[in-house]
Protein backbone atom coordinates (compact mmCIF):
# COMPACT_ATOMS: atom_id res chain seq x y z
CA MET A 1 70.94 -2.30 -24.91
CA PHE A 2 69.50 -5.15 -22.87
CA SER A 3 67.56 -7.94 -24.54
CA PRO A 4 63.74 -7.94 -24.16
CA GLN A 5 64.01 -10.88 -21.76
CA MET A 6 66.49 -9.05 -19.54
CA LEU A 7 64.50 -5.84 -19.54
CA LEU A 8 61.46 -7.24 -17.77
CA LEU A 9 63.01 -6.06 -14.56
CA LEU A 10 62.77 -3.75 -11.63
CA LEU A 11 64.12 -0.30 -12.42
CA LEU A 12 66.26 0.65 -9.44
CA PHE A 13 68.07 3.97 -9.63
CA GLU A 14 71.03 5.27 -7.75
CA GLY A 15 72.79 8.60 -7.35
CA PRO A 16 71.92 12.03 -5.96
CA GLN A 17 68.55 13.54 -6.80
CA GLU A 18 69.24 16.90 -8.40
CA VAL A 19 66.80 19.65 -9.36
CA HIS A 20 65.53 18.94 -12.87
CA SER A 21 64.12 21.78 -14.98
CA SER A 22 62.17 19.61 -17.41
CA PRO A 23 60.96 16.44 -15.71
CA ILE A 24 59.84 13.37 -17.61
CA SER A 25 56.08 13.56 -17.12
CA CYS A 26 52.67 13.27 -18.69
CA TYR A 27 51.78 16.55 -20.41
CA ASN A 28 48.45 18.12 -21.34
CA ASP A 29 47.48 19.96 -24.53
CA ARG A 30 48.88 23.23 -23.16
CA GLY A 31 52.33 21.72 -22.71
CA VAL A 32 51.97 21.70 -18.93
CA ALA A 33 53.19 18.73 -16.89
CA VAL A 34 50.25 16.89 -15.29
CA ASP A 35 49.90 14.08 -12.78
CA TRP A 36 47.68 12.00 -15.07
CA PHE A 37 45.39 12.08 -18.07
CA TYR A 38 42.98 9.88 -20.00
CA LEU A 39 42.81 10.20 -23.77
CA TYR A 40 40.02 8.81 -25.96
CA LYS A 41 41.03 8.64 -29.62
CA LEU A 42 37.71 8.66 -31.49
CA PRO A 43 37.06 6.29 -34.40
CA LYS A 44 36.52 7.42 -37.94
CA GLU A 45 32.92 8.53 -38.30
CA ASP A 46 30.85 6.90 -41.02
CA GLY A 47 28.91 8.84 -43.65
CA ARG A 48 29.50 11.63 -46.13
CA GLU A 49 28.81 14.35 -43.56
CA ALA A 50 31.30 12.93 -41.08
CA HIS A 51 33.09 15.46 -38.86
CA TYR A 52 35.48 12.99 -37.26
CA HIS A 53 38.18 11.47 -39.45
CA GLY A 54 39.83 9.15 -36.98
CA ASP A 55 42.49 11.56 -35.71
CA SER A 56 40.36 13.51 -33.20
CA TYR A 57 40.52 12.85 -29.48
CA LEU A 58 39.04 13.75 -26.13
CA LEU A 59 41.20 14.54 -23.10
CA LEU A 60 40.51 14.34 -19.38
CA GLU A 61 43.25 15.40 -16.98
CA LYS A 62 43.54 15.62 -13.22
CA GLY A 63 41.55 18.60 -11.97
CA GLY A 64 39.35 18.70 -15.08
CA GLU A 65 35.57 18.57 -15.12
CA GLY A 66 35.16 15.96 -17.85
CA TRP A 67 36.09 15.29 -21.46
CA THR A 68 37.42 18.24 -23.44
CA ASN A 69 38.09 18.31 -27.16
CA GLY A 70 41.71 17.60 -27.95
CA LYS A 71 43.99 20.23 -29.42
CA GLY A 72 44.54 19.39 -33.07
CA THR A 73 44.96 15.69 -33.83
CA VAL A 74 46.72 12.70 -32.27
CA ASN A 75 49.50 13.21 -34.79
CA ASP A 76 50.40 16.67 -33.46
CA THR A 77 53.67 16.81 -31.56
CA THR A 78 52.33 19.64 -29.36
CA GLY A 79 49.23 17.74 -28.20
CA ALA A 80 49.04 15.75 -24.98
CA LEU A 81 49.99 12.42 -26.57
CA GLY A 82 52.64 13.85 -28.88
CA LYS A 83 54.20 16.03 -26.19
CA THR A 84 54.28 13.14 -23.70
CA VAL A 85 55.60 10.34 -25.92
CA GLY A 86 57.70 12.85 -27.86
CA GLN A 87 60.03 13.17 -24.88
CA LEU A 88 61.51 9.85 -25.97
CA TYR A 89 62.77 11.44 -29.19
CA SER A 90 63.42 15.04 -28.10
CA GLN A 91 65.86 14.21 -25.33
CA GLY A 92 69.47 14.18 -26.50
CA LYS A 93 71.29 10.92 -27.11
CA ASP A 94 73.49 11.67 -24.12
CA ALA A 95 70.48 12.01 -21.80
CA GLU A 96 70.28 9.26 -19.22
CA LEU A 97 66.85 7.84 -19.91
CA ALA A 98 65.41 4.43 -19.23
CA TYR A 99 62.61 3.36 -21.54
CA ILE A 100 60.60 0.31 -22.53
CA LEU A 101 58.36 0.17 -25.61
CA TYR A 102 56.15 -2.91 -25.77
CA ASN A 103 53.31 -3.93 -28.06
CA ASP A 104 51.89 -7.28 -29.17
CA GLN A 105 51.57 -5.66 -32.63
CA LYS A 106 54.94 -4.05 -33.20
CA PRO A 107 55.48 -1.00 -35.47
CA THR A 108 57.30 -3.14 -38.04
CA GLN A 109 54.77 -5.98 -38.16
CA ASP A 110 51.19 -6.25 -39.36
CA PHE A 111 50.47 -9.06 -36.94
CA THR A 112 52.38 -11.21 -34.52
CA GLY A 113 51.39 -14.71 -33.53
CA SER A 114 53.34 -14.45 -30.28
CA ARG A 115 51.82 -16.00 -27.22
CA ARG A 116 53.38 -13.33 -25.04
CA GLY A 117 51.20 -10.78 -23.32
CA HIS A 118 48.42 -8.93 -25.13
CA THR A 119 49.91 -5.71 -23.81
CA LYS A 120 50.74 -2.26 -25.14
CA GLY A 121 52.57 0.53 -23.37
CA VAL A 122 55.42 2.95 -22.85
CA VAL A 123 57.63 3.38 -19.78
CA LEU A 124 59.96 6.40 -19.81
CA LEU A 125 61.91 7.80 -16.88
CA ASP A 126 65.10 9.47 -15.75
CA LYS A 127 66.78 9.70 -12.33
CA HIS A 128 63.94 11.85 -11.00
CA GLN A 129 60.59 10.54 -12.21
CA GLY A 130 58.78 9.23 -15.27
CA PHE A 131 55.50 8.06 -16.73
CA TRP A 132 53.75 4.80 -17.56
CA LEU A 133 51.44 5.02 -20.56
CA VAL A 134 49.06 2.08 -21.05
CA HIS A 135 47.17 2.04 -24.35
CA SER A 136 45.41 -0.03 -27.03
CA THR A 137 46.95 1.18 -30.32
CA PRO A 138 48.76 -1.36 -32.56
CA HIS A 139 52.14 -0.36 -34.07
CA PHE A 140 52.59 2.49 -31.56
CA PRO A 141 54.89 4.22 -30.84
CA ALA A 142 57.86 4.24 -33.22
CA VAL A 143 61.29 3.11 -32.02
CA ARG A 144 63.53 5.82 -30.59
CA GLU A 145 65.82 5.61 -33.63
CA ALA A 146 62.93 6.94 -35.75
CA GLY A 147 63.92 10.32 -34.32
CA GLN A 148 60.47 11.83 -34.02
CA TYR A 149 56.96 11.22 -32.74
CA TYR A 150 54.15 10.23 -35.08
CA TYR A 151 50.85 8.39 -34.76
CA PRO A 152 50.43 5.38 -37.10
CA SER A 153 47.83 5.64 -39.86
CA THR A 154 46.79 2.07 -39.01
CA GLY A 155 45.50 3.32 -35.67
CA LEU A 156 43.08 5.91 -37.07
CA VAL A 157 40.04 3.88 -38.14
CA ASN A 158 39.04 2.49 -34.74
CA GLY A 159 38.68 4.07 -31.32
CA GLN A 160 41.65 3.78 -28.92
CA ASN A 161 42.23 4.57 -25.23
CA PHE A 162 45.24 5.82 -23.29
CA ILE A 163 45.99 6.35 -19.63
CA CYS A 164 49.16 8.22 -18.68
CA VAL A 165 50.29 8.55 -15.07
CA THR A 166 53.36 10.38 -13.77
CA TYR A 167 55.12 8.41 -11.04
CA PRO A 168 58.01 9.18 -8.68
CA LEU A 169 61.22 7.24 -9.19
CA GLU A 170 60.63 4.71 -6.43
CA ARG A 171 57.36 3.52 -7.99
CA PHE A 172 59.06 2.02 -11.04
CA GLN A 173 60.33 -0.95 -9.08
CA THR A 174 56.72 -2.11 -8.67
CA ILE A 175 55.86 -1.19 -12.27
CA GLY A 176 58.77 -3.34 -13.42
CA GLU A 177 57.36 -6.26 -11.45
CA GLN A 178 53.92 -5.80 -12.99
CA LEU A 179 55.45 -5.84 -16.47
CA GLN A 180 57.26 -9.07 -15.72
CA ILE A 181 53.94 -10.71 -14.88
CA ASN A 182 52.36 -9.33 -18.09
CA GLN A 183 55.06 -10.93 -20.28
CA PRO A 184 55.04 -8.08 -22.86
CA SER A 185 56.58 -8.15 -26.33
CA VAL A 186 59.35 -5.55 -25.96
CA TYR A 187 60.58 -4.16 -29.30
CA ASP A 188 62.74 -1.25 -28.15
CA CYS A 189 64.33 -0.58 -24.80
CA ASP A 190 67.33 0.84 -23.04
CA VAL A 191 68.36 1.09 -19.41
CA PRO A 192 71.80 2.71 -19.02
CA GLU A 193 74.01 0.96 -16.51
CA SER A 194 74.21 4.16 -14.51
CA LEU A 195 70.46 4.07 -14.03
CA GLY A 196 69.45 0.46 -13.59
CA SER A 197 70.18 -2.92 -12.05
CA LEU A 198 68.76 -6.36 -12.82
CA VAL A 199 66.90 -8.56 -10.36
CA PRO A 200 65.37 -12.04 -10.67
CA ALA A 201 62.03 -12.24 -12.48
CA ARG A 202 58.86 -12.98 -10.59
CA THR A 203 56.87 -16.12 -11.29
CA VAL A 204 53.42 -15.31 -9.86
CA SER A 205 50.44 -15.69 -12.21
CA ASN A 206 48.75 -12.44 -11.19
CA ARG A 207 49.06 -9.54 -8.79
CA SER A 208 47.23 -6.30 -8.00
CA VAL A 209 49.08 -3.40 -6.39
CA THR A 210 48.40 0.20 -5.47
CA LEU A 211 50.54 2.67 -7.43
CA THR A 212 50.62 6.19 -6.03
CA SER A 213 51.26 8.93 -8.59
CA ALA A 214 53.71 11.81 -8.17
CA ASP A 215 50.95 14.03 -6.75
CA GLY A 216 49.43 11.35 -4.52
CA THR A 217 46.61 9.78 -6.57
CA ASN A 218 46.15 6.07 -5.85
CA PHE A 219 45.69 3.75 -8.83
CA ILE A 220 45.32 -0.03 -8.73
CA SER A 221 47.32 -2.00 -11.30
CA PHE A 222 46.04 -5.48 -12.18
CA ALA A 223 48.57 -7.66 -14.00
CA LYS A 224 48.03 -11.27 -15.07
CA GLY A 225 50.26 -13.74 -16.86
CA ALA A 226 49.42 -16.62 -19.18
CA SER A 227 49.18 -19.02 -16.24
CA PHE A 228 46.20 -17.12 -14.82
CA HIS A 229 43.99 -19.07 -17.27
CA ASN A 230 40.91 -16.89 -16.86
CA ASP A 231 39.16 -13.67 -17.84
CA LEU A 232 40.76 -10.62 -16.24
CA TYR A 233 37.52 -8.73 -15.63
CA HIS A 234 35.05 -11.37 -14.47
CA ALA A 235 37.39 -13.66 -12.54
CA TRP A 236 39.43 -10.96 -10.83
CA VAL A 237 38.78 -7.22 -11.32
CA ALA A 238 35.03 -7.23 -10.59
CA PRO A 239 35.32 -9.37 -7.41
CA THR A 240 38.32 -7.37 -6.18
CA LEU A 241 36.62 -4.00 -6.69
CA GLN A 242 33.27 -5.47 -5.57
CA SER A 243 31.76 -3.86 -8.61
CA ASP A 244 29.47 -4.73 -11.51
CA LEU A 245 31.32 -3.66 -14.64
CA LEU A 246 30.50 -2.51 -18.16
CA VAL A 247 33.42 -3.54 -20.38
CA GLN A 248 34.53 -2.20 -23.77
CA PHE A 249 36.94 -4.33 -25.79
CA TRP A 250 37.71 -5.46 -29.34
CA VAL A 251 34.71 -7.62 -30.26
CA ARG A 252 35.89 -8.38 -33.80
CA SER A 253 37.94 -11.40 -32.76
CA THR A 254 37.19 -15.07 -32.23
CA GLY A 255 36.04 -16.61 -28.97
CA ILE A 256 34.39 -13.49 -27.54
CA LEU A 257 33.14 -14.01 -23.99
CA PRO A 258 29.48 -13.07 -23.49
CA SER A 259 28.25 -10.97 -20.60
CA ASP A 260 28.58 -12.96 -17.38
CA CYS A 261 26.53 -12.53 -14.20
CA SER A 262 27.83 -15.51 -12.23
CA LEU A 263 30.14 -15.32 -9.22
CA GLY A 264 27.94 -12.62 -7.74
CA TRP A 265 29.15 -9.84 -10.09
CA LYS A 266 27.86 -8.68 -13.46
CA VAL A 267 30.40 -8.14 -16.23
CA LEU A 268 28.47 -6.76 -19.18
CA ASP A 269 29.81 -6.29 -22.72
CA ILE A 270 29.27 -2.79 -24.11
CA LYS A 271 27.50 -2.49 -27.48
CA GLN A 272 27.11 1.24 -28.20
CA ILE A 273 29.21 4.24 -27.16
CA ASN A 274 29.16 8.04 -27.33
CA PRO A 275 31.98 9.61 -25.28
CA GLY A 276 31.79 13.33 -24.62
CA LYS A 277 28.55 13.65 -26.63
CA THR A 278 30.54 13.52 -29.86
CA PHE A 279 28.83 10.85 -31.96
CA SER A 280 27.46 7.36 -31.42
CA PHE A 281 29.43 4.34 -32.60
CA LYS A 282 29.37 0.58 -32.12
CA ALA A 283 31.75 -1.38 -29.92
CA SER A 284 32.96 -3.04 -33.12
CA GLN A 285 34.41 0.35 -34.16
CA ASP A 286 36.36 0.71 -30.93
CA HIS A 287 39.66 -1.08 -30.24
CA SER A 288 39.81 0.34 -26.69
CA LYS A 289 39.91 -1.85 -23.61
CA TRP A 290 38.24 -0.22 -20.62
CA ALA A 291 35.71 -0.94 -17.90
CA VAL A 292 33.48 1.24 -15.76
CA SER A 293 31.36 0.50 -12.69
CA THR A 294 27.65 0.44 -13.39
CA LYS A 295 27.01 2.68 -10.37
CA ALA A 296 28.61 5.76 -8.82
CA ALA A 297 30.78 5.65 -5.72
CA ALA A 298 27.95 7.12 -3.64
CA SER A 299 25.94 3.93 -4.22
CA GLY A 300 28.33 1.75 -2.23
CA PRO A 301 31.90 0.49 -1.82
CA GLY A 302 32.06 -1.02 -5.33
CA GLY A 303 30.90 2.02 -7.28
CA GLY A 304 32.74 4.72 -9.17
CA TRP A 305 35.62 2.76 -10.74
CA VAL A 306 37.19 3.19 -14.18
CA CYS A 307 39.82 0.78 -15.52
CA VAL A 308 41.84 1.30 -18.72
CA GLY A 309 44.07 -1.48 -20.01
CA ASP A 310 45.21 -3.58 -22.92
CA ILE A 311 43.46 -6.96 -22.89
CA ASN A 312 40.17 -8.24 -24.34
CA ARG A 313 37.44 -10.58 -23.13
CA ASN A 314 37.97 -13.66 -25.31
CA LYS A 315 39.01 -17.27 -24.80
CA ALA A 316 42.46 -16.91 -26.33
CA GLU A 317 43.41 -14.00 -24.09
CA GLU A 318 42.50 -15.96 -20.98
CA GLN A 319 45.80 -17.71 -21.78
CA ARG A 320 47.85 -14.54 -22.31
CA GLY A 321 49.27 -11.82 -20.10
CA GLY A 322 47.68 -8.40 -19.85
CA GLY A 323 46.23 -5.96 -17.39
CA THR A 324 44.40 -2.80 -16.52
CA VAL A 325 44.89 0.31 -14.35
CA CYS A 326 41.94 1.39 -12.21
CA LEU A 327 40.99 4.67 -10.52
CA ARG A 328 38.06 5.63 -8.31
CA ASP A 329 37.33 9.23 -9.23
CA PRO A 330 33.84 10.77 -9.67
CA VAL A 331 34.76 12.92 -12.69
CA VAL A 332 36.50 10.12 -14.55
CA TRP A 333 33.69 7.71 -13.68
CA LYS A 334 31.02 10.06 -15.02
CA ALA A 335 32.98 10.64 -18.24
CA TYR A 336 33.15 6.91 -18.99
CA ARG A 337 29.77 5.86 -17.57
CA THR A 338 27.82 8.42 -19.58
CA ALA A 339 29.65 7.23 -22.71
CA VAL A 340 27.86 3.86 -22.52
CA LEU A 341 24.61 3.89 -24.51
CA ASP A 342 23.88 0.16 -24.67
CA TYR A 343 25.25 -3.14 -23.42
CA GLU A 344 24.55 -6.86 -23.63
CA ASP A 345 22.48 -8.30 -20.80
CA CYS A 346 23.36 -11.67 -19.36
CA ARG A 347 21.67 -14.68 -20.85
CA LYS A 348 18.48 -15.80 -19.19
CA GLY A 349 19.24 -17.89 -16.12
CA ALA A 350 22.77 -16.55 -15.76
CA PHE A 351 22.00 -14.27 -12.79
């Protein structure tokens, strides 16, 4: 197994491409391979009459019409999240898989004071294709040696977000470069020699690239390192997308950045949420990190975007790596935009 430092690399694969009966892919709740999905793990609902206990989720997959109620709970191995991540454990030990598990709050630690990237994700692939799962859940997922998929109890109380995209083999070179910029805390990884080769690390402070999924959907990946020294959303994502953004992030931390309407773009902190008309909850109950354009795509070139990532809007994380993955899709945009019930306006004089 390579060290975490060595594994921030480009994944370059060699050898003939054979027909594969069970490709590494994102999967939906029906156990069907899908090009991409978004998953919203709902927070634990307050009150004695609560119907949501922190393990329910909403799912939106390519070709869907909006949020649908998840099958079972996030702990089920047959659900979208369990089926997808579970491939890491279900494949035999002899299977030639490359994988990277990274999280600034590792499964075996309550908290890490590392100054590496505030990033969380899973990369899993074989010689044919794979997926990149970007998420917000601490202590997730378990190392491969655990032998089975499970969702951590520590991730149940607050809301969490996931984006899974299936990519063809050749896309993982670029994904590897994005991870290098993010400077993630890798806690479990393996790239068999038959599947990978090492290349020099990149030194740029930030980069955005288009990543085309297996079925041809174009996503934009924004990756910044510690040397970027600025807020991901206001200083970079909003100007690049030419979009005013509503941003959800973990507000129960120090140095929170207020809504900002300078630089010609509004970046507004979300205060109240109700995804999929489930129940209303405060941003302080949601550990997710996502952003949505204030207006639809039909309103102009900057409308209709949704970005899901792993970094917050606070002073400390201006100095840490992290990123977000953005898609311009009317169904996904509507699902996230209608979830926003309230947000913080900019301070007087800030426009």
